[in-house]
């Protein structure tokens, strides 16, 4: 479990460093010019997504190379990366964009991601 915790923390650090630099420094003017972004993103939602994604990647990649790969292994990895993408769409986008209802966004995108 310690290796997964370290992996999640490392993923969070790298992701926040890269995305934070891009959004808040390097491309700040670009993002400020968009009329549909929140003035201040909802950071706890972003951190939640980084934790989910880091955990999914850590678990998936620790099991990626079994000695006898199977169709089942491929399906599990595909599902894990689908959940990875869905967590971004469902939680990070409403944290950044001015959506009319955060809960409605989460509900609609979660259902769309599950289908």
N, C-alpha and C. Protein backbone atom coordinates (compact mmCIF):
# COMPACT_ATOMS: atom_id res chain seq x y z
N UNK A 1 0.82 -1.19 0.00
CA UNK A 1 0.00 0.00 0.00
C UNK A 1 0.87 1.26 0.00
N UNK A 2 2.04 1.18 0.62
CA UNK A 2 2.93 2.34 0.66
C UNK A 2 3.36 2.75 -0.74
N UNK A 3 3.64 1.77 -1.60
CA UNK A 3 4.06 2.12 -2.97
C UNK A 3 2.94 2.84 -3.71
N UNK A 4 1.69 2.46 -3.44
CA UNK A 4 0.57 3.15 -4.09
C UNK A 4 0.42 4.57 -3.56
N UNK A 5 0.59 4.74 -2.26
CA UNK A 5 0.51 6.08 -1.67
C UNK A 5 1.59 6.99 -2.25
N UNK A 6 2.80 6.48 -2.35
CA UNK A 6 3.90 7.26 -2.92
C UNK A 6 3.61 7.58 -4.39
N UNK A 7 3.07 6.61 -5.12
CA UNK A 7 2.72 6.83 -6.53
C UNK A 7 1.66 7.92 -6.67
N UNK A 8 0.63 7.87 -5.82
CA UNK A 8 -0.43 8.88 -5.88
C UNK A 8 0.13 10.26 -5.56
N UNK A 9 0.93 10.36 -4.52
CA UNK A 9 1.52 11.65 -4.14
C UNK A 9 2.43 12.19 -5.24
N UNK A 10 3.21 11.30 -5.86
CA UNK A 10 4.09 11.73 -6.96
C UNK A 10 3.26 12.19 -8.15
N UNK A 11 2.20 11.44 -8.48
CA UNK A 11 1.32 11.83 -9.58
C UNK A 11 0.70 13.20 -9.31
N UNK A 12 0.24 13.42 -8.08
CA UNK A 12 -0.36 14.71 -7.72
C UNK A 12 0.65 15.84 -7.85
N UNK A 13 1.85 15.61 -7.37
CA UNK A 13 2.88 16.65 -7.43
C UNK A 13 3.21 17.03 -8.87
N UNK A 14 3.42 16.03 -9.70
CA UNK A 14 3.77 16.30 -11.10
C UNK A 14 2.59 16.94 -11.83
N UNK A 15 1.40 16.39 -11.64
CA UNK A 15 0.22 16.94 -12.31
C UNK A 15 -0.03 18.38 -11.91
N UNK A 16 0.04 18.66 -10.61
CA UNK A 16 -0.21 20.03 -10.15
C UNK A 16 0.88 20.98 -10.64
N UNK A 17 2.11 20.51 -10.64
CA UNK A 17 3.20 21.37 -11.12
C UNK A 17 3.02 21.71 -12.59
N UNK A 18 2.74 20.72 -13.41
CA UNK A 18 2.58 20.95 -14.85
C UNK A 18 1.32 21.76 -15.14
N UNK A 19 0.18 21.31 -14.63
CA UNK A 19 -1.08 22.00 -14.92
C UNK A 19 -1.16 23.36 -14.24
N UNK A 20 -0.67 23.44 -13.01
CA UNK A 20 -0.67 24.73 -12.31
C UNK A 20 0.17 25.75 -13.05
N UNK A 21 1.35 25.35 -13.49
CA UNK A 21 2.22 26.25 -14.26
C UNK A 21 1.52 26.69 -15.54
N UNK A 22 0.91 25.73 -16.23
CA UNK A 22 0.23 26.05 -17.48
C UNK A 22 -0.96 26.98 -17.26
N UNK A 23 -1.83 26.64 -16.31
CA UNK A 23 -3.07 27.39 -16.13
C UNK A 23 -2.87 28.73 -15.43
N UNK A 24 -2.00 28.77 -14.43
CA UNK A 24 -1.89 29.97 -13.60
C UNK A 24 -0.74 30.90 -13.99
N UNK A 25 0.24 30.42 -14.77
CA UNK A 25 1.38 31.26 -15.14
C UNK A 25 1.55 31.35 -16.66
N UNK A 26 1.95 30.27 -17.27
CA UNK A 26 2.30 30.27 -18.69
C UNK A 26 1.15 30.72 -19.59
N UNK A 27 -0.04 30.17 -19.37
CA UNK A 27 -1.19 30.46 -20.23
C UNK A 27 -2.29 31.21 -19.50
N UNK A 28 -1.95 31.95 -18.46
CA UNK A 28 -2.95 32.64 -17.64
C UNK A 28 -3.80 33.59 -18.48
N UNK A 29 -3.20 34.34 -19.38
CA UNK A 29 -3.96 35.27 -20.22
C UNK A 29 -4.94 34.54 -21.13
N UNK A 30 -4.49 33.43 -21.67
CA UNK A 30 -5.35 32.62 -22.54
C UNK A 30 -6.58 32.14 -21.77
N UNK A 31 -6.36 31.58 -20.59
CA UNK A 31 -7.49 31.07 -19.81
C UNK A 31 -8.37 32.19 -19.28
N UNK A 32 -7.78 33.34 -18.94
CA UNK A 32 -8.56 34.48 -18.46
C UNK A 32 -9.48 35.03 -19.55
N UNK A 33 -9.07 34.88 -20.81
CA UNK A 33 -9.87 35.40 -21.92
C UNK A 33 -11.09 34.53 -22.23
N UNK A 34 -11.13 33.32 -21.72
CA UNK A 34 -12.28 32.44 -21.95
C UNK A 34 -13.41 32.86 -21.03
N UNK A 35 -14.56 33.06 -21.59
CA UNK A 35 -15.69 33.53 -20.81
C UNK A 35 -16.39 32.47 -19.98
N UNK A 36 -16.03 31.21 -20.16
CA UNK A 36 -16.76 30.16 -19.48
C UNK A 36 -15.98 29.50 -18.34
N UNK A 37 -14.79 30.03 -18.02
CA UNK A 37 -14.01 29.47 -16.92
C UNK A 37 -14.36 30.18 -15.62
N UNK A 38 -14.30 29.44 -14.53
CA UNK A 38 -14.51 30.04 -13.22
C UNK A 38 -13.35 30.98 -12.93
N UNK A 39 -13.64 32.08 -12.24
CA UNK A 39 -12.57 33.00 -11.85
C UNK A 39 -11.59 32.30 -10.92
N UNK A 40 -12.13 31.53 -10.00
CA UNK A 40 -11.32 30.74 -9.08
C UNK A 40 -11.78 29.29 -9.17
N UNK A 41 -10.94 28.37 -9.64
CA UNK A 41 -11.35 26.97 -9.73
C UNK A 41 -11.64 26.40 -8.34
N UNK A 42 -12.46 25.37 -8.30
CA UNK A 42 -12.78 24.69 -7.05
C UNK A 42 -11.68 23.65 -6.82
N UNK A 43 -10.66 24.04 -6.09
CA UNK A 43 -9.45 23.22 -5.94
C UNK A 43 -9.71 21.85 -5.31
N UNK A 44 -10.58 21.72 -4.28
CA UNK A 44 -10.79 20.38 -3.71
C UNK A 44 -11.27 19.36 -4.75
N UNK A 45 -12.07 19.80 -5.71
CA UNK A 45 -12.52 18.87 -6.76
C UNK A 45 -11.33 18.44 -7.61
N UNK A 46 -10.44 19.37 -7.93
CA UNK A 46 -9.26 19.04 -8.71
C UNK A 46 -8.33 18.08 -7.97
N UNK A 47 -8.14 18.32 -6.67
CA UNK A 47 -7.29 17.42 -5.89
C UNK A 47 -7.94 16.03 -5.77
N UNK A 48 -9.27 15.99 -5.65
CA UNK A 48 -9.96 14.70 -5.59
C UNK A 48 -9.71 13.91 -6.86
N UNK A 49 -9.78 14.58 -8.00
CA UNK A 49 -9.54 13.90 -9.27
C UNK A 49 -8.10 13.40 -9.35
N UNK A 50 -7.14 14.20 -8.90
CA UNK A 50 -5.74 13.76 -8.93
C UNK A 50 -5.55 12.52 -8.05
N UNK A 51 -6.21 12.45 -6.91
CA UNK A 51 -6.12 11.28 -6.04
C UNK A 51 -6.71 10.06 -6.74
N UNK A 52 -7.91 10.22 -7.32
CA UNK A 52 -8.56 9.12 -8.03
C UNK A 52 -7.68 8.64 -9.18
N UNK A 53 -7.21 9.58 -10.00
CA UNK A 53 -6.41 9.20 -11.16
C UNK A 53 -5.08 8.57 -10.76
N UNK A 54 -4.43 9.13 -9.75
CA UNK A 54 -3.17 8.55 -9.29
C UNK A 54 -3.35 7.14 -8.77
N UNK A 55 -4.43 6.91 -8.03
CA UNK A 55 -4.71 5.58 -7.49
C UNK A 55 -5.02 4.59 -8.61
N UNK A 56 -5.85 5.01 -9.57
CA UNK A 56 -6.18 4.14 -10.70
C UNK A 56 -4.92 3.79 -11.49
N UNK A 57 -4.10 4.79 -11.80
CA UNK A 57 -2.87 4.52 -12.54
C UNK A 57 -1.93 3.60 -11.77
N UNK A 58 -1.79 3.85 -10.48
CA UNK A 58 -0.89 3.03 -9.67
C UNK A 58 -1.34 1.57 -9.66
N UNK A 59 -2.62 1.36 -9.41
CA UNK A 59 -3.13 -0.02 -9.39
C UNK A 59 -3.04 -0.66 -10.77
N UNK A 60 -3.46 0.07 -11.80
CA UNK A 60 -3.46 -0.49 -13.15
C UNK A 60 -2.05 -0.84 -13.61
N UNK A 61 -1.14 0.09 -13.41
CA UNK A 61 0.22 -0.14 -13.90
C UNK A 61 0.97 -1.18 -13.08
N UNK A 62 0.61 -1.35 -11.82
CA UNK A 62 1.27 -2.39 -11.02
C UNK A 62 0.85 -3.79 -11.47
N UNK A 63 -0.28 -3.85 -12.18
CA UNK A 63 -0.78 -5.14 -12.66
C UNK A 63 -0.71 -5.25 -14.19
N UNK A 64 -0.08 -4.30 -14.84
CA UNK A 64 -0.11 -4.20 -16.29
C UNK A 64 0.57 -5.39 -16.98
N UNK A 65 1.65 -5.86 -16.45
CA UNK A 65 2.44 -6.87 -17.16
C UNK A 65 2.39 -8.23 -16.48
N UNK A 66 1.24 -8.87 -16.49
CA UNK A 66 1.21 -10.22 -15.92
C UNK A 66 2.02 -11.18 -16.80
N UNK A 67 2.43 -12.29 -16.21
CA UNK A 67 3.26 -13.24 -16.97
C UNK A 67 2.48 -13.86 -18.13
N UNK A 68 1.19 -14.04 -17.97
CA UNK A 68 0.34 -14.59 -19.03
C UNK A 68 -0.81 -13.62 -19.30
N UNK A 69 -0.59 -12.56 -20.11
CA UNK A 69 -1.66 -11.59 -20.36
C UNK A 69 -2.88 -12.25 -20.98
N UNK A 70 -4.04 -11.75 -20.61
CA UNK A 70 -5.28 -12.33 -21.12
C UNK A 70 -6.22 -11.23 -21.59
N UNK A 71 -7.29 -11.65 -22.23
CA UNK A 71 -8.32 -10.71 -22.65
C UNK A 71 -8.93 -10.02 -21.43
N UNK A 72 -9.06 -10.75 -20.35
CA UNK A 72 -9.59 -10.20 -19.09
C UNK A 72 -8.68 -9.08 -18.58
N UNK A 73 -7.36 -9.30 -18.62
CA UNK A 73 -6.42 -8.26 -18.20
C UNK A 73 -6.59 -6.99 -19.05
N UNK A 74 -6.76 -7.17 -20.35
CA UNK A 74 -6.94 -6.03 -21.24
C UNK A 74 -8.22 -5.28 -20.90
N UNK A 75 -9.28 -6.01 -20.60
CA UNK A 75 -10.56 -5.37 -20.25
C UNK A 75 -10.44 -4.60 -18.93
N UNK A 76 -9.74 -5.16 -17.97
CA UNK A 76 -9.57 -4.49 -16.67
C UNK A 76 -8.78 -3.20 -16.83
N UNK A 77 -7.69 -3.26 -17.59
CA UNK A 77 -6.88 -2.05 -17.83
C UNK A 77 -7.70 -1.01 -18.58
N UNK A 78 -8.46 -1.44 -19.59
CA UNK A 78 -9.30 -0.51 -20.35
C UNK A 78 -10.34 0.14 -19.45
N UNK A 79 -10.96 -0.63 -18.59
CA UNK A 79 -11.94 -0.09 -17.65
C UNK A 79 -11.29 0.92 -16.71
N UNK A 80 -10.11 0.59 -16.22
CA UNK A 80 -9.41 1.49 -15.30
C UNK A 80 -9.11 2.83 -15.97
N UNK A 81 -8.64 2.79 -17.20
CA UNK A 81 -8.34 4.05 -17.89
C UNK A 81 -9.61 4.79 -18.30
N UNK A 82 -10.70 4.07 -18.53
CA UNK A 82 -11.98 4.72 -18.76
C UNK A 82 -12.44 5.47 -17.52
N UNK A 83 -12.29 4.84 -16.36
CA UNK A 83 -12.62 5.51 -15.09
C UNK A 83 -11.71 6.72 -14.87
N UNK A 84 -10.47 6.57 -15.26
CA UNK A 84 -9.50 7.67 -15.17
C UNK A 84 -10.01 8.88 -15.95
N UNK A 85 -10.39 8.67 -17.20
CA UNK A 85 -10.89 9.76 -18.03
C UNK A 85 -12.21 10.31 -17.48
N UNK A 86 -13.10 9.43 -17.07
CA UNK A 86 -14.40 9.87 -16.55
C UNK A 86 -14.23 10.76 -15.32
N UNK A 87 -13.27 10.45 -14.47
CA UNK A 87 -13.09 11.27 -13.26
C UNK A 87 -12.74 12.70 -13.63
N UNK A 88 -11.99 12.88 -14.70
CA UNK A 88 -11.67 14.24 -15.15
C UNK A 88 -12.92 14.94 -15.68
N UNK A 89 -13.63 14.26 -16.57
CA UNK A 89 -14.80 14.87 -17.20
C UNK A 89 -15.87 15.20 -16.16
N UNK A 90 -16.09 14.29 -15.22
CA UNK A 90 -17.17 14.45 -14.25
C UNK A 90 -16.82 15.48 -13.17
N UNK A 91 -15.59 15.50 -12.69
CA UNK A 91 -15.26 16.34 -11.54
C UNK A 91 -14.40 17.57 -11.84
N UNK A 92 -13.46 17.46 -12.74
CA UNK A 92 -12.56 18.59 -12.97
C UNK A 92 -13.21 19.66 -13.84
N UNK A 93 -13.91 19.27 -14.87
CA UNK A 93 -14.50 20.27 -15.75
C UNK A 93 -15.47 21.21 -15.03
N UNK A 94 -16.38 20.72 -14.17
CA UNK A 94 -17.25 21.68 -13.48
C UNK A 94 -16.50 22.52 -12.44
N UNK A 95 -15.32 22.06 -12.05
CA UNK A 95 -14.51 22.86 -11.13
C UNK A 95 -13.88 24.05 -11.86
N UNK A 96 -13.70 23.91 -13.19
CA UNK A 96 -13.06 24.96 -13.98
C UNK A 96 -14.07 25.81 -14.74
N UNK A 97 -15.13 25.20 -15.24
CA UNK A 97 -16.07 25.90 -16.12
C UNK A 97 -17.27 26.41 -15.34
N UNK A 98 -17.87 27.49 -15.84
CA UNK A 98 -19.06 28.06 -15.22
C UNK A 98 -20.28 27.27 -15.69
N UNK A 99 -20.54 26.17 -15.04
CA UNK A 99 -21.71 25.36 -15.38
C UNK A 99 -22.87 25.82 -14.51
N UNK A 100 -24.11 25.75 -15.02
CA UNK A 100 -25.25 26.23 -14.25
C UNK A 100 -25.47 25.46 -12.95
N UNK A 101 -25.22 24.15 -12.98
CA UNK A 101 -25.41 23.32 -11.79
C UNK A 101 -24.31 22.26 -11.75
N UNK A 102 -23.50 22.32 -10.71
CA UNK A 102 -22.42 21.34 -10.58
C UNK A 102 -22.98 19.93 -10.46
N UNK A 103 -24.01 19.75 -9.62
CA UNK A 103 -24.57 18.41 -9.42
C UNK A 103 -25.21 17.88 -10.71
N UNK A 104 -25.88 18.74 -11.47
CA UNK A 104 -26.47 18.30 -12.73
C UNK A 104 -25.37 17.88 -13.70
N UNK A 105 -24.27 18.65 -13.74
CA UNK A 105 -23.14 18.30 -14.61
C UNK A 105 -22.59 16.92 -14.21
N UNK A 106 -22.36 16.75 -12.92
CA UNK A 106 -21.81 15.48 -12.43
C UNK A 106 -22.73 14.32 -12.80
N UNK A 107 -24.03 14.50 -12.59
CA UNK A 107 -25.00 13.43 -12.88
C UNK A 107 -24.99 13.09 -14.38
N UNK A 108 -25.10 14.11 -15.23
CA UNK A 108 -25.17 13.88 -16.67
C UNK A 108 -23.88 13.25 -17.19
N UNK A 109 -22.74 13.79 -16.79
CA UNK A 109 -21.47 13.27 -17.30
C UNK A 109 -21.14 11.89 -16.73
N UNK A 110 -21.54 11.63 -15.49
CA UNK A 110 -21.31 10.30 -14.91
C UNK A 110 -22.13 9.25 -15.66
N UNK A 111 -23.38 9.59 -15.97
CA UNK A 111 -24.22 8.65 -16.74
C UNK A 111 -23.65 8.46 -18.14
N UNK A 112 -23.24 9.56 -18.77
CA UNK A 112 -22.66 9.46 -20.12
C UNK A 112 -21.37 8.64 -20.10
N UNK A 113 -20.57 8.81 -19.07
CA UNK A 113 -19.30 8.06 -18.97
C UNK A 113 -19.54 6.58 -18.73
N UNK A 114 -20.66 6.25 -18.09
CA UNK A 114 -20.95 4.85 -17.77
C UNK A 114 -21.54 4.10 -18.96
N UNK A 115 -21.99 4.83 -19.97
CA UNK A 115 -22.64 4.15 -21.09
C UNK A 115 -21.69 3.90 -22.23
